[in-house]
């Protein structure tokens, strides 16, 4: 049986939520002396909020797929975009974009789709459009990270959504990473875009539910 842990990015928020919930309940019962019905109602609501926050930051252990010829999914969620686009930030040419939308109920750990060296890493401040909005990829708060496996480059982009207000990533240019490594976290709803070579064979379809580190997004073109 695989274990589930709390992601390191969640401990501070979980502790703040716990003490806030504790204060609200103590204040309700002992300061304003609310009746039993009101006290139980407040407890039920605040306890549900605490449970949701704790659940959100879960990090289940997984058997990560590793294959140099495959691109693995960078996040849990649903495939919302598969299309050929012009990528202006790094490649300045056409790429195949595959996007995964993460709802607040999904695991929000972000994983590297391929092994390789970080060739580019940049944070962009921006708006907070809903994550499925077409312009969120270029206008929202986001990070862009390019991995080079020696044969091809893959750009992965973390995008904040309407609810998400904090992107965390721990990669810098020059770092070497393993496939499926935990490289970041987006708090409370968001999406991850992949920009792949046009010749990539895509193994997923629109609307498909996928899992980070497990689902194979596609197969890299052979040289």
N, C-alpha and C. Protein backbone atom coordinates (compact mmCIF):
# COMPACT_ATOMS: atom_id res chain seq x y z
N UNK A 1 0.85 -1.20 0.00
CA UNK A 1 0.00 0.00 0.00
C UNK A 1 0.88 1.25 0.00
N UNK A 2 0.64 2.14 -0.95
CA UNK A 2 1.47 3.33 -1.05
C UNK A 2 1.01 4.39 -0.06
N UNK A 3 1.98 5.13 0.46
CA UNK A 3 1.69 6.13 1.47
C UNK A 3 1.41 7.48 0.83
N UNK A 4 0.70 8.32 1.58
CA UNK A 4 0.44 9.69 1.17
C UNK A 4 1.06 10.63 2.19
N UNK A 5 1.82 11.59 1.71
CA UNK A 5 2.50 12.54 2.58
C UNK A 5 1.91 13.94 2.37
N UNK A 6 2.32 14.86 3.21
CA UNK A 6 1.98 16.27 3.02
C UNK A 6 3.17 16.94 2.33
N UNK A 7 2.89 17.63 1.23
CA UNK A 7 3.97 18.31 0.50
C UNK A 7 4.56 19.40 1.38
N UNK A 8 5.85 19.60 1.24
CA UNK A 8 6.56 20.58 2.08
C UNK A 8 6.00 21.99 1.93
N UNK A 9 5.40 22.29 0.77
CA UNK A 9 4.83 23.62 0.55
C UNK A 9 3.55 23.86 1.35
N UNK A 10 3.00 22.78 1.92
CA UNK A 10 1.73 22.92 2.59
C UNK A 10 1.77 23.12 4.08
N UNK A 11 2.91 22.81 4.72
CA UNK A 11 2.94 22.79 6.18
C UNK A 11 2.61 24.15 6.80
N UNK A 12 3.15 25.22 6.26
CA UNK A 12 2.90 26.54 6.84
C UNK A 12 1.42 26.90 6.76
N UNK A 13 0.83 26.69 5.58
CA UNK A 13 -0.59 27.02 5.40
C UNK A 13 -1.46 26.14 6.28
N UNK A 14 -1.12 24.87 6.39
CA UNK A 14 -1.90 23.95 7.22
C UNK A 14 -1.86 24.38 8.69
N UNK A 15 -0.67 24.76 9.18
CA UNK A 15 -0.55 25.21 10.57
C UNK A 15 -1.32 26.51 10.81
N UNK A 16 -1.22 27.44 9.88
CA UNK A 16 -1.96 28.70 10.02
C UNK A 16 -3.46 28.42 10.03
N UNK A 17 -3.90 27.54 9.13
CA UNK A 17 -5.32 27.18 9.09
C UNK A 17 -5.76 26.52 10.39
N UNK A 18 -4.94 25.64 10.93
CA UNK A 18 -5.28 24.94 12.18
C UNK A 18 -5.48 25.93 13.33
N UNK A 19 -4.54 26.84 13.50
CA UNK A 19 -4.65 27.79 14.62
C UNK A 19 -5.78 28.80 14.39
N UNK A 20 -6.05 29.13 13.13
CA UNK A 20 -7.19 30.02 12.83
C UNK A 20 -8.50 29.33 13.19
N UNK A 21 -8.62 28.07 12.79
CA UNK A 21 -9.82 27.28 13.12
C UNK A 21 -9.97 27.14 14.63
N UNK A 22 -8.87 26.87 15.31
CA UNK A 22 -8.91 26.73 16.77
C UNK A 22 -9.38 28.03 17.43
N UNK A 23 -8.83 29.14 16.97
CA UNK A 23 -9.21 30.44 17.54
C UNK A 23 -10.69 30.73 17.32
N UNK A 24 -11.17 30.49 16.09
CA UNK A 24 -12.58 30.76 15.78
C UNK A 24 -13.50 29.94 16.68
N UNK A 25 -13.17 28.67 16.87
CA UNK A 25 -14.01 27.81 17.70
C UNK A 25 -13.97 28.18 19.17
N UNK A 26 -12.78 28.52 19.68
CA UNK A 26 -12.68 28.95 21.07
C UNK A 26 -13.40 30.27 21.28
N UNK A 27 -13.26 31.17 20.32
CA UNK A 27 -13.92 32.48 20.42
C UNK A 27 -15.45 32.30 20.42
N UNK A 28 -15.93 31.42 19.53
CA UNK A 28 -17.37 31.20 19.42
C UNK A 28 -17.95 30.61 20.70
N UNK A 29 -17.24 29.66 21.28
CA UNK A 29 -17.79 28.94 22.44
C UNK A 29 -17.57 29.65 23.77
N UNK A 30 -16.38 30.24 23.95
CA UNK A 30 -16.03 30.75 25.28
C UNK A 30 -16.02 32.28 25.39
N UNK A 31 -15.96 32.99 24.28
CA UNK A 31 -15.94 34.45 24.35
C UNK A 31 -17.33 35.03 24.11
N UNK A 32 -17.96 34.61 23.02
CA UNK A 32 -19.30 35.13 22.76
C UNK A 32 -20.39 34.20 23.29
N UNK A 33 -19.96 33.03 23.80
CA UNK A 33 -20.88 32.08 24.44
C UNK A 33 -22.06 31.73 23.54
N UNK A 34 -21.75 31.36 22.32
CA UNK A 34 -22.79 30.92 21.40
C UNK A 34 -23.39 29.61 21.88
N UNK A 35 -24.59 29.35 21.50
CA UNK A 35 -25.25 28.11 21.91
C UNK A 35 -24.63 26.89 21.26
N UNK A 36 -25.09 25.72 21.70
CA UNK A 36 -24.54 24.47 21.19
C UNK A 36 -24.75 24.32 19.69
N UNK A 37 -25.91 24.72 19.21
CA UNK A 37 -26.21 24.59 17.79
C UNK A 37 -25.26 25.42 16.95
N UNK A 38 -25.08 26.69 17.35
CA UNK A 38 -24.17 27.57 16.62
C UNK A 38 -22.73 27.08 16.72
N UNK A 39 -22.33 26.64 17.92
CA UNK A 39 -20.96 26.15 18.11
C UNK A 39 -20.66 24.95 17.23
N UNK A 40 -21.62 24.02 17.15
CA UNK A 40 -21.43 22.83 16.32
C UNK A 40 -21.42 23.19 14.83
N UNK A 41 -22.23 24.17 14.46
CA UNK A 41 -22.26 24.62 13.05
C UNK A 41 -20.91 25.23 12.67
N UNK A 42 -20.40 26.12 13.53
CA UNK A 42 -19.10 26.75 13.28
C UNK A 42 -18.00 25.70 13.23
N UNK A 43 -18.03 24.75 14.16
CA UNK A 43 -17.03 23.69 14.18
C UNK A 43 -17.07 22.88 12.89
N UNK A 44 -18.27 22.54 12.42
CA UNK A 44 -18.41 21.72 11.22
C UNK A 44 -17.82 22.43 10.00
N UNK A 45 -18.14 23.72 9.88
CA UNK A 45 -17.65 24.48 8.73
C UNK A 45 -16.13 24.64 8.78
N UNK A 46 -15.60 25.05 9.92
CA UNK A 46 -14.16 25.29 10.02
C UNK A 46 -13.36 23.99 9.92
N UNK A 47 -13.91 22.91 10.47
CA UNK A 47 -13.21 21.62 10.38
C UNK A 47 -13.17 21.15 8.93
N UNK A 48 -14.27 21.37 8.18
CA UNK A 48 -14.29 21.00 6.77
C UNK A 48 -13.25 21.79 5.98
N UNK A 49 -13.10 23.08 6.30
CA UNK A 49 -12.09 23.91 5.64
C UNK A 49 -10.69 23.38 5.94
N UNK A 50 -10.43 23.06 7.20
CA UNK A 50 -9.12 22.53 7.59
C UNK A 50 -8.83 21.22 6.85
N UNK A 51 -9.83 20.34 6.76
CA UNK A 51 -9.64 19.05 6.08
C UNK A 51 -9.34 19.26 4.60
N UNK A 52 -10.04 20.23 3.98
CA UNK A 52 -9.80 20.49 2.55
C UNK A 52 -8.38 21.00 2.32
N UNK A 53 -7.93 21.94 3.16
CA UNK A 53 -6.59 22.50 3.01
C UNK A 53 -5.54 21.40 3.17
N UNK A 54 -5.73 20.55 4.15
CA UNK A 54 -4.79 19.45 4.37
C UNK A 54 -4.80 18.49 3.18
N UNK A 55 -5.99 18.17 2.70
CA UNK A 55 -6.14 17.26 1.56
C UNK A 55 -5.50 17.83 0.31
N UNK A 56 -5.62 19.15 0.12
CA UNK A 56 -5.08 19.79 -1.07
C UNK A 56 -3.58 19.59 -1.19
N UNK A 57 -2.88 19.62 -0.07
CA UNK A 57 -1.41 19.53 -0.10
C UNK A 57 -0.89 18.10 0.01
N UNK A 58 -1.74 17.14 -0.27
CA UNK A 58 -1.30 15.74 -0.23
C UNK A 58 -0.28 15.46 -1.32
N UNK A 59 0.59 14.53 -1.06
CA UNK A 59 1.63 14.15 -2.01
C UNK A 59 1.79 12.63 -1.97
N UNK A 60 0.92 11.91 -2.70
CA UNK A 60 0.96 10.44 -2.64
C UNK A 60 2.23 9.89 -3.28
N UNK A 61 2.79 8.87 -2.66
CA UNK A 61 3.96 8.21 -3.25
C UNK A 61 3.51 7.47 -4.51
N UNK A 62 4.37 7.49 -5.52
CA UNK A 62 4.03 6.88 -6.80
C UNK A 62 5.21 6.16 -7.40
N UNK A 63 4.88 5.14 -8.18
CA UNK A 63 5.91 4.47 -8.98
C UNK A 63 6.02 5.25 -10.29
N UNK A 64 7.02 6.13 -10.37
CA UNK A 64 7.17 7.03 -11.52
C UNK A 64 7.69 6.27 -12.74
N UNK A 65 7.05 6.51 -13.87
CA UNK A 65 7.50 5.91 -15.12
C UNK A 65 8.73 6.67 -15.63
N UNK A 66 9.74 5.94 -16.02
CA UNK A 66 10.94 6.56 -16.61
C UNK A 66 11.27 5.85 -17.93
N UNK A 67 11.33 6.63 -18.97
CA UNK A 67 11.63 6.12 -20.30
C UNK A 67 12.12 7.29 -21.13
N UNK A 68 13.35 7.23 -21.61
CA UNK A 68 13.94 8.35 -22.35
C UNK A 68 13.19 8.70 -23.64
N UNK A 69 12.42 7.76 -24.17
CA UNK A 69 11.68 8.00 -25.41
C UNK A 69 10.27 8.53 -25.16
N UNK A 70 9.88 8.62 -23.89
CA UNK A 70 8.52 9.02 -23.55
C UNK A 70 8.50 10.37 -22.83
N UNK A 71 7.36 11.05 -22.96
CA UNK A 71 7.10 12.28 -22.21
C UNK A 71 6.02 11.95 -21.19
N UNK A 72 6.34 12.06 -19.92
CA UNK A 72 5.34 11.73 -18.92
C UNK A 72 4.59 12.98 -18.48
N UNK A 73 3.42 12.78 -17.96
CA UNK A 73 2.55 13.88 -17.58
C UNK A 73 3.15 14.66 -16.40
N UNK A 74 3.14 15.99 -16.47
CA UNK A 74 3.73 16.80 -15.41
C UNK A 74 2.80 17.06 -14.23
N UNK A 75 1.50 16.69 -14.35
CA UNK A 75 0.56 17.03 -13.28
C UNK A 75 -0.70 16.18 -13.38
N UNK A 76 -1.40 16.06 -12.28
CA UNK A 76 -2.72 15.42 -12.28
C UNK A 76 -3.74 16.41 -12.83
N UNK A 77 -4.75 15.90 -13.51
CA UNK A 77 -5.80 16.79 -13.99
C UNK A 77 -6.46 16.27 -15.24
N UNK A 78 -6.86 17.21 -16.10
CA UNK A 78 -7.56 16.88 -17.34
C UNK A 78 -6.90 17.59 -18.51
N UNK A 79 -6.74 16.88 -19.62
CA UNK A 79 -6.15 17.48 -20.82
C UNK A 79 -7.17 18.44 -21.44
N UNK A 80 -6.79 19.71 -21.56
CA UNK A 80 -7.71 20.73 -22.07
C UNK A 80 -7.25 21.35 -23.39
N UNK A 81 -6.00 21.13 -23.76
CA UNK A 81 -5.48 21.67 -25.03
C UNK A 81 -4.55 20.65 -25.68
N UNK A 82 -4.77 20.40 -26.96
CA UNK A 82 -3.81 19.68 -27.81
C UNK A 82 -3.85 20.39 -29.16
N UNK A 83 -2.86 21.22 -29.43
CA UNK A 83 -2.89 21.96 -30.69
C UNK A 83 -1.51 22.48 -31.07
N UNK A 84 -1.36 22.76 -32.34
CA UNK A 84 -0.12 23.36 -32.84
C UNK A 84 -0.21 24.87 -32.64
N UNK A 85 0.82 25.44 -32.01
CA UNK A 85 0.81 26.87 -31.71
C UNK A 85 2.18 27.47 -32.01
N UNK A 86 2.22 28.79 -32.05
CA UNK A 86 3.49 29.50 -32.14
C UNK A 86 3.94 29.83 -30.72
N UNK A 87 5.14 29.40 -30.35
CA UNK A 87 5.66 29.65 -29.00
C UNK A 87 6.71 30.76 -29.09
N UNK A 88 6.40 31.97 -28.60
CA UNK A 88 7.29 33.12 -28.84
C UNK A 88 8.40 33.33 -27.82
N UNK A 89 8.25 32.79 -26.63
CA UNK A 89 9.17 33.16 -25.56
C UNK A 89 10.56 32.56 -25.71
N UNK A 90 10.63 31.29 -26.04
CA UNK A 90 11.93 30.60 -26.09
C UNK A 90 12.23 30.06 -27.49
N UNK A 91 11.31 29.32 -28.08
CA UNK A 91 11.58 28.67 -29.36
C UNK A 91 11.41 29.62 -30.54
N UNK A 92 10.46 30.54 -30.44
CA UNK A 92 10.13 31.45 -31.55
C UNK A 92 9.82 30.67 -32.83
N UNK A 93 9.11 29.57 -32.68
CA UNK A 93 8.62 28.81 -33.82
C UNK A 93 7.42 27.98 -33.36
N UNK A 94 6.92 27.15 -34.25
CA UNK A 94 5.73 26.36 -33.93
C UNK A 94 6.08 25.14 -33.09
N UNK A 95 5.20 24.87 -32.13
CA UNK A 95 5.35 23.72 -31.24
C UNK A 95 3.98 23.07 -31.05
N UNK A 96 4.00 21.86 -30.55
CA UNK A 96 2.77 21.16 -30.19
C UNK A 96 2.50 21.41 -28.71
N UNK A 97 1.39 22.08 -28.42
CA UNK A 97 1.05 22.39 -27.03
C UNK A 97 0.08 21.35 -26.49
N UNK A 98 0.42 20.82 -25.32
CA UNK A 98 -0.48 19.94 -24.57
C UNK A 98 -0.63 20.54 -23.17
N UNK A 99 -1.87 20.81 -22.76
CA UNK A 99 -2.10 21.49 -21.49
C UNK A 99 -2.95 20.62 -20.57
N UNK A 100 -2.58 20.62 -19.28
CA UNK A 100 -3.31 19.86 -18.26
C UNK A 100 -3.86 20.84 -17.24
N UNK A 101 -5.18 20.84 -17.07
CA UNK A 101 -5.83 21.71 -16.08
C UNK A 101 -5.98 20.95 -14.77
N UNK A 102 -5.57 21.59 -13.67
CA UNK A 102 -5.69 21.01 -12.34
C UNK A 102 -6.80 21.71 -11.57
N UNK A 103 -7.82 20.98 -11.19
CA UNK A 103 -8.87 21.55 -10.35
C UNK A 103 -8.38 21.53 -8.90
N UNK A 104 -9.06 22.25 -8.00
CA UNK A 104 -8.62 22.25 -6.59
C UNK A 104 -8.60 20.87 -5.94
N UNK A 105 -9.32 19.91 -6.52
CA UNK A 105 -9.36 18.56 -5.93
C UNK A 105 -8.21 17.68 -6.38
N UNK A 106 -7.45 18.10 -7.40
CA UNK A 106 -6.34 17.29 -7.90
C UNK A 106 -5.09 17.43 -7.04
N UNK A 107 -4.21 16.43 -7.11
CA UNK A 107 -2.87 16.55 -6.54
C UNK A 107 -2.15 17.64 -7.33
N UNK A 108 -1.50 18.57 -6.63
CA UNK A 108 -0.90 19.72 -7.31
C UNK A 108 0.63 19.69 -7.38
N UNK A 109 1.22 18.54 -7.15
CA UNK A 109 2.67 18.39 -7.33
C UNK A 109 2.97 18.42 -8.82
N UNK A 110 3.98 19.18 -9.23
CA UNK A 110 4.40 19.25 -10.63
C UNK A 110 5.68 18.46 -10.83
N UNK A 111 5.72 17.68 -11.93
CA UNK A 111 6.85 16.78 -12.19
C UNK A 111 7.46 17.03 -13.56
N UNK A 112 8.75 16.75 -13.66
CA UNK A 112 9.45 16.96 -14.93
C UNK A 112 9.05 15.89 -15.95
N UNK A 113 8.71 16.29 -17.17
CA UNK A 113 8.24 15.33 -18.18
C UNK A 113 9.35 14.48 -18.80
N UNK A 114 10.56 15.02 -18.81
CA UNK A 114 11.72 14.28 -19.32
C UNK A 114 12.90 14.54 -18.40
N UNK A 115 13.92 13.70 -18.52
CA UNK A 115 15.17 13.95 -17.82
C UNK A 115 16.01 14.90 -18.66
N UNK A 116 16.90 15.64 -18.03
CA UNK A 116 17.76 16.52 -18.81
C UNK A 116 18.30 17.69 -18.02
N UNK A 117 18.86 18.64 -18.74
CA UNK A 117 19.44 19.84 -18.14
C UNK A 117 18.50 21.02 -18.33
N UNK A 118 18.39 21.85 -17.29
CA UNK A 118 17.56 23.05 -17.38
C UNK A 118 18.31 24.10 -18.19
N UNK A 119 17.78 24.41 -19.38
CA UNK A 119 18.42 25.39 -20.26
C UNK A 119 17.87 26.80 -20.06
N UNK A 120 16.67 26.89 -19.47
CA UNK A 120 16.01 28.19 -19.35
C UNK A 120 15.01 28.09 -18.21
N UNK A 121 14.99 29.09 -17.35
CA UNK A 121 14.03 29.13 -16.25
C UNK A 121 13.71 30.59 -15.95
N UNK A 122 12.44 30.95 -16.08
CA UNK A 122 12.07 32.34 -15.86
C UNK A 122 10.68 32.46 -15.26
N UNK A 123 10.53 33.35 -14.29
CA UNK A 123 9.25 33.65 -13.67
C UNK A 123 8.67 34.92 -14.29
N UNK A 124 7.36 34.92 -14.53
CA UNK A 124 6.68 36.09 -15.08
C UNK A 124 5.53 36.48 -14.16
N UNK A 125 5.52 37.70 -13.68
CA UNK A 125 4.34 38.19 -12.98
C UNK A 125 3.24 38.39 -14.00
N UNK A 126 1.97 38.36 -13.56
CA UNK A 126 0.90 38.53 -14.53
C UNK A 126 -0.47 38.56 -13.91
N UNK A 127 -1.46 38.32 -14.76
CA UNK A 127 -2.86 38.37 -14.34
C UNK A 127 -3.27 37.05 -13.70
N UNK A 128 -4.56 36.97 -13.33
CA UNK A 128 -5.10 35.75 -12.75
C UNK A 128 -6.41 35.39 -13.46
N UNK A 129 -6.32 35.26 -14.79
CA UNK A 129 -7.46 34.79 -15.56
C UNK A 129 -7.73 33.33 -15.20
N UNK A 130 -8.95 32.87 -15.43
CA UNK A 130 -9.23 31.45 -15.19
C UNK A 130 -8.25 30.62 -16.01
N UNK A 131 -7.79 29.51 -15.45
CA UNK A 131 -6.68 28.77 -16.05
C UNK A 131 -6.98 28.20 -17.42
N UNK A 132 -8.27 28.00 -17.75
CA UNK A 132 -8.58 27.46 -19.07
C UNK A 132 -8.76 28.55 -20.13
N UNK A 133 -8.61 29.81 -19.74
CA UNK A 133 -8.72 30.91 -20.69
C UNK A 133 -7.57 30.83 -21.69
N UNK A 134 -7.84 31.02 -23.00
CA UNK A 134 -6.77 30.91 -24.02
C UNK A 134 -5.58 31.82 -23.77
N UNK A 135 -5.81 32.99 -23.17
CA UNK A 135 -4.72 33.93 -22.95
C UNK A 135 -3.97 33.71 -21.64
N UNK A 136 -4.41 32.74 -20.83
CA UNK A 136 -3.75 32.53 -19.53
C UNK A 136 -2.30 32.08 -19.71
N UNK A 137 -2.01 31.40 -20.82
CA UNK A 137 -0.66 30.90 -21.06
C UNK A 137 0.35 32.01 -21.27
N UNK A 138 -0.13 33.19 -21.71
CA UNK A 138 0.79 34.29 -21.99
C UNK A 138 0.56 35.51 -21.11
N UNK A 139 -0.57 35.58 -20.40
CA UNK A 139 -0.88 36.78 -19.61
C UNK A 139 -0.93 36.54 -18.10
N UNK A 140 -1.13 35.30 -17.68
CA UNK A 140 -1.20 35.02 -16.24
C UNK A 140 0.18 34.95 -15.60
N UNK A 141 0.20 35.00 -14.27
CA UNK A 141 1.44 34.69 -13.55
C UNK A 141 1.87 33.29 -13.96
N UNK A 142 3.16 33.11 -14.26
CA UNK A 142 3.60 31.84 -14.80
C UNK A 142 5.11 31.68 -14.67
N UNK A 143 5.57 30.47 -14.85
CA UNK A 143 7.00 30.19 -15.00
C UNK A 143 7.19 29.41 -16.30
N UNK A 144 8.33 29.61 -16.92
CA UNK A 144 8.68 28.85 -18.13
C UNK A 144 10.02 28.17 -17.88
N UNK A 145 10.04 26.85 -18.07
CA UNK A 145 11.24 26.06 -17.82
C UNK A 145 11.49 25.15 -19.02
N UNK A 146 12.71 25.19 -19.56
CA UNK A 146 13.06 24.37 -20.71
C UNK A 146 14.05 23.29 -20.29
N UNK A 147 13.71 22.04 -20.63
CA UNK A 147 14.59 20.90 -20.36
C UNK A 147 15.17 20.38 -21.67
N UNK A 148 16.46 20.10 -21.65
CA UNK A 148 17.17 19.58 -22.82
C UNK A 148 17.71 18.20 -22.47
N UNK A 149 17.26 17.16 -23.18
CA UNK A 149 17.75 15.81 -22.89
C UNK A 149 18.91 15.39 -23.78
N UNK A 150 19.45 16.36 -24.53
CA UNK A 150 20.56 16.06 -25.43
C UNK A 150 20.12 15.88 -26.87
N UNK A 151 18.82 15.61 -27.05
CA UNK A 151 18.28 15.43 -28.39
C UNK A 151 17.20 16.45 -28.72
N UNK A 152 16.33 16.71 -27.74
CA UNK A 152 15.23 17.65 -27.94
C UNK A 152 15.07 18.53 -26.72
N UNK A 153 14.42 19.67 -26.93
CA UNK A 153 14.06 20.57 -25.83
C UNK A 153 12.56 20.52 -25.61
N UNK A 154 12.15 20.52 -24.35
CA UNK A 154 10.74 20.57 -23.99
C UNK A 154 10.53 21.74 -23.04
N UNK A 155 9.57 22.60 -23.36
CA UNK A 155 9.24 23.71 -22.47
C UNK A 155 8.01 23.34 -21.66
N UNK A 156 8.10 23.52 -20.34
CA UNK A 156 6.94 23.32 -19.46
C UNK A 156 6.64 24.65 -18.78
N UNK A 157 5.36 24.96 -18.72
CA UNK A 157 4.96 26.26 -18.18
C UNK A 157 3.92 26.07 -17.09
N UNK A 158 4.24 26.52 -15.88
CA UNK A 158 3.27 26.53 -14.79
C UNK A 158 2.46 27.82 -14.88
N UNK A 159 1.16 27.70 -14.79
CA UNK A 159 0.29 28.87 -14.93
C UNK A 159 -0.65 28.98 -13.74
N UNK A 160 -0.64 30.13 -13.10
CA UNK A 160 -1.58 30.38 -12.00
C UNK A 160 -2.97 30.61 -12.58
N UNK A 161 -4.00 30.24 -11.82
CA UNK A 161 -5.37 30.42 -12.27
C UNK A 161 -6.08 31.50 -11.48
N UNK A 162 -7.40 31.50 -11.54
CA UNK A 162 -8.21 32.50 -10.86
C UNK A 162 -8.07 32.39 -9.35
N UNK A 163 -7.94 31.16 -8.87
CA UNK A 163 -7.83 30.92 -7.42
C UNK A 163 -6.38 30.84 -7.00
N UNK A 164 -5.55 30.21 -7.84
CA UNK A 164 -4.14 30.05 -7.49
C UNK A 164 -3.45 31.41 -7.40
N UNK A 165 -2.69 31.62 -6.36
CA UNK A 165 -1.99 32.89 -6.18
C UNK A 165 -0.52 32.69 -5.85
N UNK A 166 -0.04 31.50 -6.02
CA UNK A 166 1.36 31.26 -5.69
C UNK A 166 1.90 30.08 -6.47
N UNK A 167 2.92 30.34 -7.28
CA UNK A 167 3.62 29.30 -8.01
C UNK A 167 4.96 29.05 -7.33
N UNK A 168 5.25 27.80 -7.11
CA UNK A 168 6.53 27.42 -6.50
C UNK A 168 7.28 26.53 -7.47
N UNK A 169 8.56 26.85 -7.72
CA UNK A 169 9.39 25.95 -8.51
C UNK A 169 10.81 26.01 -7.96
N UNK A 170 11.53 24.91 -8.10
CA UNK A 170 12.85 24.82 -7.47
C UNK A 170 13.96 24.46 -8.47
N UNK A 171 13.79 24.88 -9.72
CA UNK A 171 14.80 24.60 -10.73
C UNK A 171 15.48 25.89 -11.17
N UNK A 172 16.76 25.77 -11.47
CA UNK A 172 17.54 26.90 -11.98
C UNK A 172 18.30 26.45 -13.22
N UNK A 173 18.67 27.40 -14.05
CA UNK A 173 19.42 27.07 -15.26
C UNK A 173 20.72 26.36 -14.89
N UNK A 174 20.99 25.28 -15.61
CA UNK A 174 22.18 24.47 -15.34
C UNK A 174 21.92 23.25 -14.50
N UNK A 175 20.75 23.18 -13.83
CA UNK A 175 20.42 22.00 -13.02
C UNK A 175 20.19 20.79 -13.92
N UNK A 176 20.53 19.63 -13.39
CA UNK A 176 20.20 18.37 -14.05
C UNK A 176 19.10 17.69 -13.26
N UNK A 177 18.09 17.19 -13.95
CA UNK A 177 16.95 16.60 -13.27
C UNK A 177 16.62 15.23 -13.84
N UNK A 178 16.04 14.39 -13.00
CA UNK A 178 15.58 13.08 -13.42
C UNK A 178 14.14 13.20 -13.93
N UNK A 179 13.74 12.28 -14.77
CA UNK A 179 12.37 12.27 -15.26
C UNK A 179 11.41 11.99 -14.11
N UNK A 180 10.34 12.77 -14.04
CA UNK A 180 9.35 12.58 -13.00
C UNK A 180 9.69 13.21 -11.67
N UNK A 181 10.77 13.99 -11.61
CA UNK A 181 11.17 14.62 -10.35
C UNK A 181 10.18 15.72 -9.97
N UNK A 182 9.93 15.86 -8.68
CA UNK A 182 9.08 16.92 -8.15
C UNK A 182 9.84 18.24 -8.29
N UNK A 183 9.32 19.14 -9.14
CA UNK A 183 10.04 20.40 -9.34
C UNK A 183 9.24 21.61 -8.87
N UNK A 184 7.98 21.40 -8.47
CA UNK A 184 7.22 22.57 -8.05
C UNK A 184 5.81 22.26 -7.63
N UNK A 185 5.07 23.33 -7.35
CA UNK A 185 3.71 23.22 -6.81
C UNK A 185 2.98 24.51 -7.16
N UNK A 186 1.70 24.40 -7.52
CA UNK A 186 0.88 25.58 -7.74
C UNK A 186 -0.30 25.50 -6.78
N UNK A 187 -0.49 26.52 -5.99
CA UNK A 187 -1.47 26.45 -4.91
C UNK A 187 -2.87 26.85 -5.35
N UNK A 188 -3.80 25.90 -5.20
CA UNK A 188 -5.24 26.12 -5.35
C UNK A 188 -5.71 26.39 -6.78
N UNK A 189 -5.55 25.40 -7.66
CA UNK A 189 -6.13 25.47 -9.00
C UNK A 189 -5.24 26.13 -10.02
N UNK A 190 -5.00 25.50 -11.16
CA UNK A 190 -4.01 26.03 -12.09
C UNK A 190 -3.90 25.10 -13.29
N UNK A 191 -2.83 25.28 -14.09
CA UNK A 191 -2.59 24.36 -15.20
C UNK A 191 -1.11 24.34 -15.55
N UNK A 192 -0.72 23.31 -16.29
CA UNK A 192 0.64 23.17 -16.78
C UNK A 192 0.58 22.95 -18.29
N UNK A 193 1.35 23.74 -19.03
CA UNK A 193 1.46 23.59 -20.49
C UNK A 193 2.78 22.91 -20.82
N UNK A 194 2.75 22.04 -21.82
CA UNK A 194 3.96 21.48 -22.40
C UNK A 194 4.04 21.93 -23.85
N UNK A 195 5.24 22.34 -24.29
CA UNK A 195 5.46 22.71 -25.68
C UNK A 195 6.48 21.72 -26.24
N UNK A 196 6.02 20.89 -27.17
CA UNK A 196 6.78 19.73 -27.63
C UNK A 196 7.12 19.86 -29.12
N UNK A 197 8.11 19.09 -29.59
CA UNK A 197 8.39 19.08 -31.03
C UNK A 197 7.14 18.70 -31.81
N UNK A 198 6.96 19.27 -32.99
CA UNK A 198 5.77 19.00 -33.79
C UNK A 198 5.63 17.53 -34.15
N UNK A 199 6.75 16.82 -34.22
CA UNK A 199 6.72 15.41 -34.62
C UNK A 199 6.35 14.47 -33.48
N UNK A 200 6.10 15.03 -32.30
CA UNK A 200 5.77 14.20 -31.15
C UNK A 200 4.49 13.41 -31.40
N UNK A 201 4.52 12.14 -31.07
CA UNK A 201 3.32 11.30 -31.16
C UNK A 201 2.55 11.43 -29.85
N UNK A 202 1.38 12.03 -29.89
CA UNK A 202 0.58 12.26 -28.69
C UNK A 202 -0.24 11.03 -28.34
N UNK A 203 -0.19 10.63 -27.07
CA UNK A 203 -0.89 9.43 -26.62
C UNK A 203 -2.12 9.73 -25.76
N UNK A 204 -2.48 11.02 -25.65
CA UNK A 204 -3.66 11.38 -24.86
C UNK A 204 -4.65 12.11 -25.75
N UNK A 205 -5.87 12.32 -25.23
CA UNK A 205 -6.90 13.02 -26.01
C UNK A 205 -7.56 14.08 -25.13
N UNK A 206 -8.23 15.02 -25.77
CA UNK A 206 -8.90 16.09 -25.05
C UNK A 206 -9.93 15.52 -24.07
N UNK A 207 -9.92 16.07 -22.86
CA UNK A 207 -10.86 15.62 -21.85
C UNK A 207 -10.37 14.44 -21.03
N UNK A 208 -9.24 13.86 -21.41
CA UNK A 208 -8.74 12.69 -20.68
C UNK A 208 -8.20 13.09 -19.32
N UNK A 209 -8.51 12.30 -18.30
CA UNK A 209 -7.96 12.51 -16.97
C UNK A 209 -6.59 11.85 -16.90
N UNK A 210 -5.61 12.58 -16.38
CA UNK A 210 -4.23 12.10 -16.39
C UNK A 210 -3.61 12.24 -15.01
N UNK A 211 -2.51 11.53 -14.79
CA UNK A 211 -1.81 11.57 -13.51
C UNK A 211 -0.34 11.90 -13.72
N UNK A 212 0.16 12.83 -12.91
CA UNK A 212 1.56 13.22 -13.00
C UNK A 212 2.50 12.09 -12.66
N UNK A 213 3.49 11.91 -13.51
CA UNK A 213 4.49 10.87 -13.28
C UNK A 213 4.07 9.49 -13.73
N UNK A 214 2.82 9.35 -14.17
CA UNK A 214 2.30 8.02 -14.53
C UNK A 214 1.80 7.99 -15.97
N UNK A 215 0.93 8.92 -16.33
CA UNK A 215 0.38 8.94 -17.68
C UNK A 215 1.45 9.35 -18.70
N UNK A 216 1.52 8.62 -19.81
CA UNK A 216 2.45 8.97 -20.88
C UNK A 216 1.76 9.94 -21.84
N UNK A 217 2.24 11.17 -21.88
CA UNK A 217 1.66 12.20 -22.74
C UNK A 217 1.94 11.90 -24.21
N UNK A 218 3.18 11.49 -24.49
CA UNK A 218 3.52 11.23 -25.88
C UNK A 218 4.88 10.59 -26.01
N UNK A 219 5.28 10.36 -27.26
CA UNK A 219 6.57 9.75 -27.57
C UNK A 219 7.40 10.74 -28.35
N UNK A 220 8.64 10.93 -27.92
CA UNK A 220 9.53 11.88 -28.59
C UNK A 220 9.90 11.39 -29.97
N UNK A 221 10.06 12.31 -30.92
CA UNK A 221 10.46 11.90 -32.27
C UNK A 221 11.85 11.28 -32.27
N UNK A 222 12.05 10.25 -33.05
CA UNK A 222 13.36 9.61 -33.15
C UNK A 222 14.22 10.42 -34.09
N UNK A 223 15.55 10.45 -33.79
CA UNK A 223 16.47 11.21 -34.64
C UNK A 223 17.06 10.32 -35.74
